[in-house]
Amino acid sequence: MKYTFDIVGVSPVLHFFNQQQQSQRQSQHQGIEYLGSHICTLDAFLESLETIPAKWGWELDRVVDTVIQFWVHNSDSINYWKRRLTDAGRDNLLVARVADFTALQAEFESLLNKNE
């Protein structure tokens, strides 16, 4: 299985929590998870991954490697989001998406089909 990881934005804590609750109730995004962290560090995101692989049957080592590879190859993006998180203030989270590549592709395709 192939995975993808990306930082997608900054969100108020309450909004992120509400989105997570809605996502769990609908469970339509199987294979896609959004992670929130108060700090922009590799360790923070790796720690937030601990419960996800069991939920989707993911291979933890490959998911961790995907996140590490993102961190190694995207320092400009990481620094950008670190500044945005600092600018946003304490009541906000940095939001990242980790996904099974196939599930993310299907999600994007379904979004495109809805707009046709």
PDB file of N, CA and C in Angstrom:
ATOM      1  N   MET A   1       0.847  -1.167   0.000  1.00  0.00           N
ATOM      2  CA  MET A   1       0.000   0.000   0.000  1.00  0.00           C
ATOM      3  C   MET A   1       0.897   1.237   0.000  1.00  0.00           C
ATOM      4  N   LYS A   2       0.480   2.267  -0.725  1.00  0.00           N
ATOM      5  CA  LYS A   2       1.239   3.506  -0.824  1.00  0.00           C
ATOM      6  C   LYS A   2       0.477   4.606  -0.092  1.00  0.00           C
ATOM      7  N   TYR A   3       1.218   5.455   0.623  1.00  0.00           N
ATOM      8  CA  TYR A   3       0.606   6.498   1.438  1.00  0.00           C
ATOM      9  C   TYR A   3       1.089   7.874   1.012  1.00  0.00           C
ATOM     10  N   THR A   4       0.324   8.873   1.393  1.00  0.00           N
ATOM     11  CA  THR A   4       0.687  10.254   1.133  1.00  0.00           C
ATOM     12  C   THR A   4       0.470  11.071   2.401  1.00  0.00           C
ATOM     13  N   PHE A   5       1.284  12.099   2.577  1.00  0.00           N
ATOM     14  CA  PHE A   5       1.187  12.994   3.727  1.00  0.00           C
ATOM     15  C   PHE A   5       1.393  14.409   3.220  1.00  0.00           C
ATOM     16  N   ASP A   6       0.590  15.343   3.740  1.00  0.00           N
ATOM     17  CA  ASP A   6       0.754  16.741   3.379  1.00  0.00           C
ATOM     18  C   ASP A   6       0.169  17.617   4.472  1.00  0.00           C
ATOM     19  N   ILE A   7       0.766  18.772   4.665  1.00  0.00           N
ATOM     20  CA  ILE A   7       0.200  19.770   5.576  1.00  0.00           C
ATOM     21  C   ILE A   7      -0.816  20.554   4.758  1.00  0.00           C
ATOM     22  N   VAL A   8      -2.032  20.681   5.282  1.00  0.00           N
ATOM     23  CA  VAL A   8      -3.100  21.308   4.504  1.00  0.00           C
ATOM     24  C   VAL A   8      -3.554  22.664   5.028  1.00  0.00           C
ATOM     25  N   GLY A   9      -3.186  23.034   6.256  1.00  0.00           N
ATOM     26  CA  GLY A   9      -3.580  24.355   6.730  1.00  0.00           C
ATOM     27  C   GLY A   9      -3.565  24.494   8.236  1.00  0.00           C
ATOM     28  N   VAL A  10      -4.085  25.633   8.655  1.00  0.00           N
ATOM     29  CA  VAL A  10      -4.210  25.962  10.072  1.00  0.00           C
ATOM     30  C   VAL A  10      -5.706  26.105  10.351  1.00  0.00           C
ATOM     31  N   SER A  11      -6.137  25.582  11.486  1.00  0.00           N
ATOM     32  CA  SER A  11      -7.558  25.598  11.817  1.00  0.00           C
ATOM     33  C   SER A  11      -7.750  25.903  13.299  1.00  0.00           C
ATOM     34  N   PRO A  12      -8.827  26.627  13.625  1.00  0.00           N
ATOM     35  CA  PRO A  12      -9.170  26.765  15.046  1.00  0.00           C
ATOM     36  C   PRO A  12      -9.439  25.366  15.637  1.00  0.00           C
ATOM     37  N   VAL A  13      -9.052  25.169  16.873  1.00  0.00           N
ATOM     38  CA  VAL A  13      -9.181  23.865  17.532  1.00  0.00           C
ATOM     39  C   VAL A  13     -10.631  23.371  17.471  1.00  0.00           C
ATOM     40  N   LEU A  14     -11.587  24.205  17.806  1.00  0.00           N
ATOM     41  CA  LEU A  14     -12.986  23.788  17.848  1.00  0.00           C
ATOM     42  C   LEU A  14     -13.490  23.359  16.468  1.00  0.00           C
ATOM     43  N   HIS A  15     -13.111  24.090  15.440  1.00  0.00           N
ATOM     44  CA  HIS A  15     -13.527  23.733  14.084  1.00  0.00           C
ATOM     45  C   HIS A  15     -12.953  22.369  13.681  1.00  0.00           C
ATOM     46  N   PHE A  16     -11.679  22.156  13.988  1.00  0.00           N
ATOM     47  CA  PHE A  16     -11.048  20.878  13.665  1.00  0.00           C
ATOM     48  C   PHE A  16     -11.748  19.736  14.410  1.00  0.00           C
ATOM     49  N   PHE A  17     -12.028  19.947  15.690  1.00  0.00           N
ATOM     50  CA  PHE A  17     -12.709  18.929  16.482  1.00  0.00           C
ATOM     51  C   PHE A  17     -14.079  18.607  15.878  1.00  0.00           C
ATOM     52  N   ASN A  18     -14.845  19.620  15.511  1.00  0.00           N
ATOM     53  CA  ASN A  18     -16.165  19.400  14.907  1.00  0.00           C
ATOM     54  C   ASN A  18     -16.057  18.638  13.591  1.00  0.00           C
ATOM     55  N   GLN A  19     -15.083  18.982  12.767  1.00  0.00           N
ATOM     56  CA  GLN A  19     -14.887  18.278  11.493  1.00  0.00           C
ATOM     57  C   GLN A  19     -14.543  16.806  11.735  1.00  0.00           C
ATOM     58  N   GLN A  20     -13.712  16.541  12.731  1.00  0.00           N
ATOM     59  CA  GLN A  20     -13.342  15.163  13.059  1.00  0.00           C
ATOM     60  C   GLN A  20     -14.571  14.368  13.502  1.00  0.00           C
ATOM     61  N   GLN A  21     -15.432  14.993  14.305  1.00  0.00           N
ATOM     62  CA  GLN A  21     -16.645  14.319  14.764  1.00  0.00           C
ATOM     63  C   GLN A  21     -17.574  14.003  13.601  1.00  0.00           C
ATOM     64  N   GLN A  22     -17.753  14.951  12.699  1.00  0.00           N
ATOM     65  CA  GLN A  22     -18.602  14.724  11.526  1.00  0.00           C
ATOM     66  C   GLN A  22     -18.024  13.624  10.640  1.00  0.00           C
ATOM     67  N   SER A  23     -16.735  13.647  10.473  1.00  0.00           N
ATOM     68  CA  SER A  23     -16.061  12.652   9.646  1.00  0.00           C
ATOM     69  C   SER A  23     -16.247  11.251  10.218  1.00  0.00           C
ATOM     70  N   GLN A  24     -16.168  11.112  11.528  1.00  0.00           N
ATOM     71  CA  GLN A  24     -16.346   9.805  12.157  1.00  0.00           C
ATOM     72  C   GLN A  24     -17.771   9.304  11.995  1.00  0.00           C
ATOM     73  N   ARG A  25     -18.744  10.199  12.090  1.00  0.00           N
ATOM     74  CA  ARG A  25     -20.146   9.797  11.932  1.00  0.00           C
ATOM     75  C   ARG A  25     -20.441   9.373  10.494  1.00  0.00           C
ATOM     76  N   GLN A  26     -19.899  10.096   9.540  1.00  0.00           N
ATOM     77  CA  GLN A  26     -20.178   9.792   8.143  1.00  0.00           C
ATOM     78  C   GLN A  26     -19.340   8.632   7.627  1.00  0.00           C
ATOM     79  N   SER A  27     -18.142   8.498   8.145  1.00  0.00           N
ATOM     80  CA  SER A  27     -17.163   7.463   7.775  1.00  0.00           C
ATOM     81  C   SER A  27     -17.087   7.223   6.267  1.00  0.00           C
ATOM     82  N   GLN A  28     -17.247   8.283   5.476  1.00  0.00           N
ATOM     83  CA  GLN A  28     -17.162   8.138   4.033  1.00  0.00           C
ATOM     84  C   GLN A  28     -15.735   8.287   3.516  1.00  0.00           C
ATOM     85  N   HIS A  29     -14.842   8.811   4.321  1.00  0.00           N
ATOM     86  CA  HIS A  29     -13.477   9.040   3.878  1.00  0.00           C
ATOM     87  C   HIS A  29     -12.562   7.923   4.368  1.00  0.00           C
ATOM     88  N   GLN A  30     -12.930   6.696   4.099  1.00  0.00           N
ATOM     89  CA  GLN A  30     -12.116   5.582   4.566  1.00  0.00           C
ATOM     90  C   GLN A  30     -10.753   5.642   3.908  1.00  0.00           C
ATOM     91  N   GLY A  31      -9.733   5.565   4.740  1.00  0.00           N
ATOM     92  CA  GLY A  31      -8.376   5.601   4.223  1.00  0.00           C
ATOM     93  C   GLY A  31      -7.774   6.989   4.173  1.00  0.00           C
ATOM     94  N   ILE A  32      -8.502   7.998   4.707  1.00  0.00           N
ATOM     95  CA  ILE A  32      -7.996   9.370   4.770  1.00  0.00           C
ATOM     96  C   ILE A  32      -8.188   9.866   6.193  1.00  0.00           C
ATOM     97  N   GLU A  33      -7.126  10.366   6.778  1.00  0.00           N
ATOM     98  CA  GLU A  33      -7.200  10.905   8.133  1.00  0.00           C
ATOM     99  C   GLU A  33      -6.577  12.289   8.183  1.00  0.00           C
ATOM    100  N   TYR A  34      -7.160  13.134   9.010  1.00  0.00           N
ATOM    101  CA  TYR A  34      -6.615  14.472   9.246  1.00  0.00           C
ATOM    102  C   TYR A  34      -6.071  14.512  10.666  1.00  0.00           C
ATOM    103  N   LEU A  35      -4.867  15.040  10.783  1.00  0.00           N
ATOM    104  CA  LEU A  35      -4.173  15.116  12.063  1.00  0.00           C
ATOM    105  C   LEU A  35      -4.029  16.577  12.457  1.00  0.00           C
ATOM    106  N   GLY A  36      -4.157  16.863  13.738  1.00  0.00           N
ATOM    107  CA  GLY A  36      -3.972  18.228  14.222  1.00  0.00           C
ATOM    108  C   GLY A  36      -2.885  18.276  15.275  1.00  0.00           C
ATOM    109  N   SER A  37      -2.086  19.343  15.227  1.00  0.00           N
ATOM    110  CA  SER A  37      -1.018  19.497  16.198  1.00  0.00           C
ATOM    111  C   SER A  37      -0.858  20.969  16.562  1.00  0.00           C
ATOM    112  N   HIS A  38      -0.593  21.218  17.848  1.00  0.00           N
ATOM    113  CA  HIS A  38      -0.343  22.585  18.305  1.00  0.00           C
ATOM    114  C   HIS A  38       1.057  23.056  17.929  1.00  0.00           C
ATOM    115  N   ILE A  39       1.922  22.124  17.576  1.00  0.00           N
ATOM    116  CA  ILE A  39       3.285  22.488  17.192  1.00  0.00           C
ATOM    117  C   ILE A  39       3.634  21.840  15.854  1.00  0.00           C
ATOM    118  N   CYS A  40       4.530  22.480  15.128  1.00  0.00           N
ATOM    119  CA  CYS A  40       4.920  21.993  13.810  1.00  0.00           C
ATOM    120  C   CYS A  40       6.247  21.263  13.918  1.00  0.00           C
ATOM    121  N   THR A  41       6.172  20.013  14.392  1.00  0.00           N
ATOM    122  CA  THR A  41       7.372  19.186  14.473  1.00  0.00           C
ATOM    123  C   THR A  41       7.074  17.797  13.935  1.00  0.00           C
ATOM    124  N   LEU A  42       8.110  17.160  13.471  1.00  0.00           N
ATOM    125  CA  LEU A  42       7.975  15.784  13.000  1.00  0.00           C
ATOM    126  C   LEU A  42       7.489  14.884  14.130  1.00  0.00           C
ATOM    127  N   ASP A  43       8.073  15.034  15.300  1.00  0.00           N
ATOM    128  CA  ASP A  43       7.688  14.207  16.446  1.00  0.00           C
ATOM    129  C   ASP A  43       6.204  14.335  16.782  1.00  0.00           C
ATOM    130  N   ALA A  44       5.673  15.543  16.710  1.00  0.00           N
ATOM    131  CA  ALA A  44       4.256  15.762  17.032  1.00  0.00           C
ATOM    132  C   ALA A  44       3.357  14.994  16.065  1.00  0.00           C
ATOM    133  N   PHE A  45       3.685  15.024  14.782  1.00  0.00           N
ATOM    134  CA  PHE A  45       2.849  14.309  13.820  1.00  0.00           C
ATOM    135  C   PHE A  45       3.051  12.797  13.900  1.00  0.00           C
ATOM    136  N   LEU A  46       4.262  12.364  14.167  1.00  0.00           N
ATOM    137  CA  LEU A  46       4.476  10.926  14.329  1.00  0.00           C
ATOM    138  C   LEU A  46       3.702  10.393  15.525  1.00  0.00           C
ATOM    139  N   GLU A  47       3.669  11.159  16.599  1.00  0.00           N
ATOM    140  CA  GLU A  47       2.914  10.748  17.776  1.00  0.00           C
ATOM    141  C   GLU A  47       1.419  10.658  17.473  1.00  0.00           C
ATOM    142  N   SER A  48       0.921  11.581  16.665  1.00  0.00           N
ATOM    143  CA  SER A  48      -0.516  11.577  16.358  1.00  0.00           C
ATOM    144  C   SER A  48      -0.910  10.431  15.432  1.00  0.00           C
ATOM    145  N   LEU A  49       0.045   9.773  14.824  1.00  0.00           N
ATOM    146  CA  LEU A  49      -0.230   8.644  13.930  1.00  0.00           C
ATOM    147  C   LEU A  49      -0.523   7.339  14.658  1.00  0.00           C
ATOM    148  N   GLU A  50      -0.195   7.268  15.917  1.00  0.00           N
ATOM    149  CA  GLU A  50      -0.184   5.987  16.631  1.00  0.00           C
ATOM    150  C   GLU A  50      -1.486   5.197  16.566  1.00  0.00           C
ATOM    151  N   THR A  51      -2.622   5.844  16.552  1.00  0.00           N
ATOM    152  CA  THR A  51      -3.892   5.104  16.563  1.00  0.00           C
ATOM    153  C   THR A  51      -4.451   4.832  15.172  1.00  0.00           C
ATOM    154  N   ILE A  52      -3.949   5.495  14.165  1.00  0.00           N
ATOM    155  CA  ILE A  52      -4.555   5.402  12.838  1.00  0.00           C
ATOM    156  C   ILE A  52      -4.312   4.070  12.122  1.00  0.00           C
ATOM    157  N   PRO A  53      -3.088   3.537  12.073  1.00  0.00           N
ATOM    158  CA  PRO A  53      -2.891   2.311  11.285  1.00  0.00           C
ATOM    159  C   PRO A  53      -3.823   1.169  11.669  1.00  0.00           C
ATOM    160  N   ALA A  54      -4.095   1.002  12.950  1.00  0.00           N
ATOM    161  CA  ALA A  54      -4.991  -0.074  13.374  1.00  0.00           C
ATOM    162  C   ALA A  54      -6.404   0.156  12.835  1.00  0.00           C
ATOM    163  N   LYS A  55      -6.807   1.407  12.749  1.00  0.00           N
ATOM    164  CA  LYS A  55      -8.151   1.747  12.282  1.00  0.00           C
ATOM    165  C   LYS A  55      -8.364   1.327  10.825  1.00  0.00           C
ATOM    166  N   TRP A  56      -7.381   1.539   9.982  1.00  0.00           N
ATOM    167  CA  TRP A  56      -7.536   1.262   8.554  1.00  0.00           C
ATOM    168  C   TRP A  56      -6.748   0.036   8.083  1.00  0.00           C
ATOM    169  N   GLY A  57      -6.039  -0.620   8.993  1.00  0.00           N
ATOM    170  CA  GLY A  57      -5.211  -1.745   8.579  1.00  0.00           C
ATOM    171  C   GLY A  57      -3.957  -1.299   7.840  1.00  0.00           C
ATOM    172  N   TRP A  58      -3.516  -0.105   8.124  1.00  0.00           N
ATOM    173  CA  TRP A  58      -2.320   0.424   7.472  1.00  0.00           C
ATOM    174  C   TRP A  58      -1.062  -0.191   8.050  1.00  0.00           C
ATOM    175  N   GLU A  59       0.003  -0.144   7.268  1.00  0.00           N
ATOM    176  CA  GLU A  59       1.319  -0.600   7.697  1.00  0.00           C
ATOM    177  C   GLU A  59       2.026   0.580   8.367  1.00  0.00           C
ATOM    178  N   LEU A  60       2.134   0.547   9.683  1.00  0.00           N
ATOM    179  CA  LEU A  60       2.667   1.683  10.440  1.00  0.00           C
ATOM    180  C   LEU A  60       4.048   2.110   9.953  1.00  0.00           C
ATOM    181  N   ASP A  61       4.930   1.167   9.684  1.00  0.00           N
ATOM    182  CA  ASP A  61       6.281   1.524   9.248  1.00  0.00           C
ATOM    183  C   ASP A  61       6.263   2.327   7.952  1.00  0.00           C
ATOM    184  N   ARG A  62       5.397   1.964   7.032  1.00  0.00           N
ATOM    185  CA  ARG A  62       5.323   2.673   5.749  1.00  0.00           C
ATOM    186  C   ARG A  62       4.688   4.046   5.925  1.00  0.00           C
ATOM    187  N   VAL A  63       3.704   4.164   6.801  1.00  0.00           N
ATOM    188  CA  VAL A  63       3.085   5.462   7.067  1.00  0.00           C
ATOM    189  C   VAL A  63       4.116   6.391   7.704  1.00  0.00           C
ATOM    190  N   VAL A  64       4.832   5.897   8.694  1.00  0.00           N
ATOM    191  CA  VAL A  64       5.869   6.693   9.361  1.00  0.00           C
ATOM    192  C   VAL A  64       6.926   7.120   8.354  1.00  0.00           C
ATOM    193  N   ASP A  65       7.357   6.212   7.497  1.00  0.00           N
ATOM    194  CA  ASP A  65       8.357   6.549   6.476  1.00  0.00           C
ATOM    195  C   ASP A  65       7.845   7.640   5.538  1.00  0.00           C
ATOM    196  N   THR A  66       6.572   7.593   5.184  1.00  0.00           N
ATOM    197  CA  THR A  66       5.983   8.613   4.322  1.00  0.00           C
ATOM    198  C   THR A  66       6.049   9.987   4.984  1.00  0.00           C
ATOM    199  N   VAL A  67       5.716  10.049   6.266  1.00  0.00           N
ATOM    200  CA  VAL A  67       5.757  11.323   6.994  1.00  0.00           C
ATOM    201  C   VAL A  67       7.196  11.820   7.105  1.00  0.00           C
ATOM    202  N   ILE A  68       8.119  10.941   7.401  1.00  0.00           N
ATOM    203  CA  ILE A  68       9.530  11.332   7.507  1.00  0.00           C
ATOM    204  C   ILE A  68      10.049  11.838   6.158  1.00  0.00           C
ATOM    205  N   GLN A  69       9.707  11.158   5.086  1.00  0.00           N
ATOM    206  CA  GLN A  69      10.150  11.594   3.756  1.00  0.00           C
ATOM    207  C   GLN A  69       9.594  12.974   3.413  1.00  0.00           C
ATOM    208  N   PHE A  70       8.344  13.225   3.789  1.00  0.00           N
ATOM    209  CA  PHE A  70       7.782  14.564   3.578  1.00  0.00           C
ATOM    210  C   PHE A  70       8.624  15.585   4.336  1.00  0.00           C
ATOM    211  N   TRP A  71       8.946  15.285   5.571  1.00  0.00           N
ATOM    212  CA  TRP A  71       9.698  16.213   6.426  1.00  0.00           C
ATOM    213  C   TRP A  71      11.092  16.481   5.854  1.00  0.00           C
ATOM    214  N   VAL A  72      11.718  15.458   5.306  1.00  0.00           N
ATOM    215  CA  VAL A  72      13.068  15.588   4.754  1.00  0.00           C
ATOM    216  C   VAL A  72      13.072  16.429   3.474  1.00  0.00           C
ATOM    217  N   HIS A  73      12.045  16.293   2.656  1.00  0.00           N
ATOM    218  CA  HIS A  73      12.053  16.891   1.322  1.00  0.00           C
ATOM    219  C   HIS A  73      11.238  18.185   1.177  1.00  0.00           C
ATOM    220  N   ASN A  74      10.618  18.663   2.242  1.00  0.00           N
ATOM    221  CA  ASN A  74       9.741  19.835   2.114  1.00  0.00           C
ATOM    222  C   ASN A  74       9.997  20.893   3.176  1.00  0.00           C
ATOM    223  N   SER A  75      11.237  21.227   3.406  1.00  0.00           N
ATOM    224  CA  SER A  75      11.571  22.179   4.477  1.00  0.00           C
ATOM    225  C   SER A  75      10.953  23.555   4.247  1.00  0.00           C
ATOM    226  N   ASP A  76      10.871  24.009   2.996  1.00  0.00           N
ATOM    227  CA  ASP A  76      10.263  25.317   2.729  1.00  0.00           C
ATOM    228  C   ASP A  76       8.786  25.337   3.121  1.00  0.00           C
ATOM    229  N   SER A  77       8.076  24.289   2.747  1.00  0.00           N
ATOM    230  CA  SER A  77       6.660  24.184   3.095  1.00  0.00           C
ATOM    231  C   SER A  77       6.472  24.097   4.609  1.00  0.00           C
ATOM    232  N   ILE A  78       7.306  23.313   5.258  1.00  0.00           N
ATOM    233  CA  ILE A  78       7.219  23.156   6.713  1.00  0.00           C
ATOM    234  C   ILE A  78       7.461  24.485   7.409  1.00  0.00           C
ATOM    235  N   ASN A  79       8.469  25.222   6.976  1.00  0.00           N
ATOM    236  CA  ASN A  79       8.749  26.535   7.574  1.00  0.00           C
ATOM    237  C   ASN A  79       7.612  27.517   7.330  1.00  0.00           C
ATOM    238  N   TYR A  80       7.017  27.464   6.142  1.00  0.00           N
ATOM    239  CA  TYR A  80       5.864  28.320   5.840  1.00  0.00           C
ATOM    240  C   TYR A  80       4.730  28.040   6.823  1.00  0.00           C
ATOM    241  N   TRP A  81       4.374  26.763   6.980  1.00  0.00           N
ATOM    242  CA  TRP A  81       3.253  26.409   7.853  1.00  0.00           C
ATOM    243  C   TRP A  81       3.575  26.655   9.325  1.00  0.00           C
ATOM    244  N   LYS A  82       4.837  26.527   9.697  1.00  0.00           N
ATOM    245  CA  LYS A  82       5.249  26.831  11.068  1.00  0.00           C
ATOM    246  C   LYS A  82       4.994  28.317  11.358  1.00  0.00           C
ATOM    247  N   ARG A  83       5.319  29.183  10.405  1.00  0.00           N
ATOM    248  CA  ARG A  83       5.064  30.625  10.571  1.00  0.00           C
ATOM    249  C   ARG A  83       3.565  30.923  10.612  1.00  0.00           C
ATOM    250  N   ARG A  84       2.784  30.271   9.754  1.00  0.00           N
ATOM    251  CA  ARG A  84       1.332  30.502   9.740  1.00  0.00           C
ATOM    252  C   ARG A  84       0.707  30.074  11.061  1.00  0.00           C
ATOM    253  N   LEU A  85       1.163  28.970  11.620  1.00  0.00           N
ATOM    254  CA  LEU A  85       0.648  28.497  12.902  1.00  0.00           C
ATOM    255  C   LEU A  85       0.988  29.495  14.001  1.00  0.00           C
ATOM    256  N   THR A  86       2.193  29.998  14.007  1.00  0.00           N
ATOM    257  CA  THR A  86       2.600  31.001  15.004  1.00  0.00           C
ATOM    258  C   THR A  86       1.750  32.261  14.853  1.00  0.00           C
ATOM    259  N   ASP A  87       1.543  32.709  13.620  1.00  0.00           N
ATOM    260  CA  ASP A  87       0.731  33.904  13.354  1.00  0.00           C
ATOM    261  C   ASP A  87      -0.713  33.717  13.808  1.00  0.00           C
ATOM    262  N   ALA A  88      -1.227  32.500  13.693  1.00  0.00           N
ATOM    263  CA  ALA A  88      -2.634  32.229  14.015  1.00  0.00           C
ATOM    264  C   ALA A  88      -2.920  32.267  15.513  1.00  0.00           C
ATOM    265  N   GLY A  89      -1.924  31.982  16.330  1.00  0.00           N
ATOM    266  CA  GLY A  89      -2.131  32.040  17.774  1.00  0.00           C
ATOM    267  C   GLY A  89      -2.386  30.693  18.416  1.00  0.00           C
ATOM    268  N   ARG A  90      -2.521  30.729  19.731  1.00  0.00           N
ATOM    269  CA  ARG A  90      -2.567  29.515  20.555  1.00  0.00           C
ATOM    270  C   ARG A  90      -3.802  28.641  20.365  1.00  0.00           C
ATOM    271  N   ASP A  91      -4.907  29.193  19.963  1.00  0.00           N
ATOM    272  CA  ASP A  91      -6.146  28.414  19.860  1.00  0.00           C
ATOM    273  C   ASP A  91      -6.310  27.750  18.495  1.00  0.00           C
ATOM    274  N   ASN A  92      -5.203  27.499  17.823  1.00  0.00           N
ATOM    275  CA  ASN A  92      -5.234  26.923  16.483  1.00  0.00           C
ATOM    276  C   ASN A  92      -4.334  25.701  16.397  1.00  0.00           C
ATOM    277  N   LEU A  93      -4.618  24.887  15.394  1.00  0.00           N
ATOM    278  CA  LEU A  93      -3.838  23.677  15.137  1.00  0.00           C
ATOM    279  C   LEU A  93      -3.304  23.703  13.716  1.00  0.00           C
ATOM    280  N   LEU A  94      -2.179  23.068  13.540  1.00  0.00           N
ATOM    281  CA  LEU A  94      -1.687  22.800  12.202  1.00  0.00           C
ATOM    282  C   LEU A  94      -2.332  21.485  11.772  1.00  0.00           C
ATOM    283  N   VAL A  95      -2.935  21.464  10.603  1.00  0.00           N
ATOM    284  CA  VAL A  95      -3.674  20.293  10.139  1.00  0.00           C
ATOM    285  C   VAL A  95      -2.915  19.644   8.987  1.00  0.00           C
ATOM    286  N   ALA A  96      -2.763  18.336   9.084  1.00  0.00           N
ATOM    287  CA  ALA A  96      -2.113  17.560   8.033  1.00  0.00           C
ATOM    288  C   ALA A  96      -3.035  16.407   7.639  1.00  0.00           C
ATOM    289  N   ARG A  97      -2.812  15.936   6.424  1.00  0.00           N
ATOM    290  CA  ARG A  97      -3.613  14.805   5.928  1.00  0.00           C
ATOM    291  C   ARG A  97      -2.665  13.640   5.635  1.00  0.00           C
ATOM    292  N   VAL A  98      -3.030  12.476   6.120  1.00  0.00           N
ATOM    293  CA  VAL A  98      -2.331  11.241   5.774  1.00  0.00           C
ATOM    294  C   VAL A  98      -3.380  10.318   5.172  1.00  0.00           C
ATOM    295  N   ALA A  99      -2.994   9.670   4.080  1.00  0.00           N
ATOM    296  CA  ALA A  99      -4.008   8.882   3.369  1.00  0.00           C
ATOM    297  C   ALA A  99      -3.371   7.731   2.613  1.00  0.00           C
ATOM    298  N   ASP A 100      -4.175   6.728   2.449  1.00  0.00           N
ATOM    299  CA  ASP A 100      -3.880   5.676   1.495  1.00  0.00           C
ATOM    300  C   ASP A 100      -4.015   6.350   0.124  1.00  0.00           C
ATOM    301  N   PHE A 101      -2.995   6.251  -0.699  1.00  0.00           N
ATOM    302  CA  PHE A 101      -2.971   6.966  -1.981  1.00  0.00           C
ATOM    303  C   PHE A 101      -4.200   6.663  -2.828  1.00  0.00           C
ATOM    304  N   THR A 102      -4.624   5.422  -2.857  1.00  0.00           N
ATOM    305  CA  THR A 102      -5.786   5.024  -3.656  1.00  0.00           C
ATOM    306  C   THR A 102      -7.063   5.676  -3.134  1.00  0.00           C
ATOM    307  N   ALA A 103      -7.222   5.725  -1.814  1.00  0.00           N
ATOM    308  CA  ALA A 103      -8.412   6.350  -1.223  1.00  0.00           C
ATOM    309  C   ALA A 103      -8.438   7.845  -1.505  1.00  0.00           C
ATOM    310  N   LEU A 104      -7.291   8.500  -1.439  1.00  0.00           N
ATOM    311  CA  LEU A 104      -7.233   9.934  -1.712  1.00  0.00           C
ATOM    312  C   LEU A 104      -7.553  10.212  -3.171  1.00  0.00           C
ATOM    313  N   GLN A 105      -7.038   9.395  -4.057  1.00  0.00           N
ATOM    314  CA  GLN A 105      -7.330   9.549  -5.474  1.00  0.00           C
ATOM    315  C   GLN A 105      -8.832   9.386  -5.729  1.00  0.00           C
ATOM    316  N   ALA A 106      -9.446   8.395  -5.103  1.00  0.00           N
ATOM    317  CA  ALA A 106     -10.887   8.180  -5.262  1.00  0.00           C
ATOM    318  C   ALA A 106     -11.681   9.372  -4.724  1.00  0.00           C
ATOM    319  N   GLU A 107     -11.234   9.940  -3.602  1.00  0.00           N
ATOM    320  CA  GLU A 107     -11.901  11.101  -3.021  1.00  0.00           C
ATOM    321  C   GLU A 107     -11.838  12.292  -3.979  1.00  0.00           C
ATOM    322  N   PHE A 108     -10.668  12.539  -4.551  1.00  0.00           N
ATOM    323  CA  PHE A 108     -10.527  13.650  -5.502  1.00  0.00           C
ATOM    324  C   PHE A 108     -11.393  13.424  -6.738  1.00  0.00           C
ATOM    325  N   GLU A 109     -11.421  12.206  -7.234  1.00  0.00           N
ATOM    326  CA  GLU A 109     -12.246  11.902  -8.399  1.00  0.00           C
ATOM    327  C   GLU A 109     -13.724  12.093  -8.100  1.00  0.00           C
ATOM    328  N   SER A 110     -14.166  11.707  -6.901  1.00  0.00           N
ATOM    329  CA  SER A 110     -15.576  11.888  -6.550  1.00  0.00           C
ATOM    330  C   SER A 110     -15.910  13.377  -6.430  1.00  0.00           C
ATOM    331  N   LEU A 111     -14.978  14.180  -5.937  1.00  0.00           N
ATOM    332  CA  LEU A 111     -15.208  15.624  -5.858  1.00  0.00           C
ATOM    333  C   LEU A 111     -15.315  16.230  -7.267  1.00  0.00           C
ATOM    334  N   LEU A 112     -14.478  15.761  -8.178  1.00  0.00           N
ATOM    335  CA  LEU A 112     -14.553  16.262  -9.554  1.00  0.00           C
ATOM    336  C   LEU A 112     -15.862  15.868 -10.219  1.00  0.00           C
ATOM    337  N   ASN A 113     -16.323  14.657  -9.964  1.00  0.00           N
ATOM    338  CA  ASN A 113     -17.576  14.190 -10.554  1.00  0.00           C
ATOM    339  C   ASN A 113     -18.775  14.941 -10.009  1.00  0.00           C
ATOM    340  N   LYS A 114     -18.730  15.391  -8.761  1.00  0.00           N
ATOM    341  CA  LYS A 114     -19.832  16.153  -8.182  1.00  0.00           C
ATOM    342  C   LYS A 114     -19.976  17.514  -8.841  1.00  0.00           C
ATOM    343  N   ASN A 115     -18.878  18.043  -9.363  1.00  0.00           N
ATOM    344  CA  ASN A 115     -18.898  19.368  -9.977  1.00  0.00           C
ATOM    345  C   ASN A 115     -19.265  19.333 -11.455  1.00  0.00           C
ATOM    346  N   GLU A 116     -19.434  18.177 -12.017  1.00  0.00           N
ATOM    347  CA  GLU A 116     -19.766  18.086 -13.442  1.00  0.00           C
ATOM    348  C   GLU A 116     -21.248  18.197 -13.673  1.00  0.00           C
TER     349      GLU A 116
END
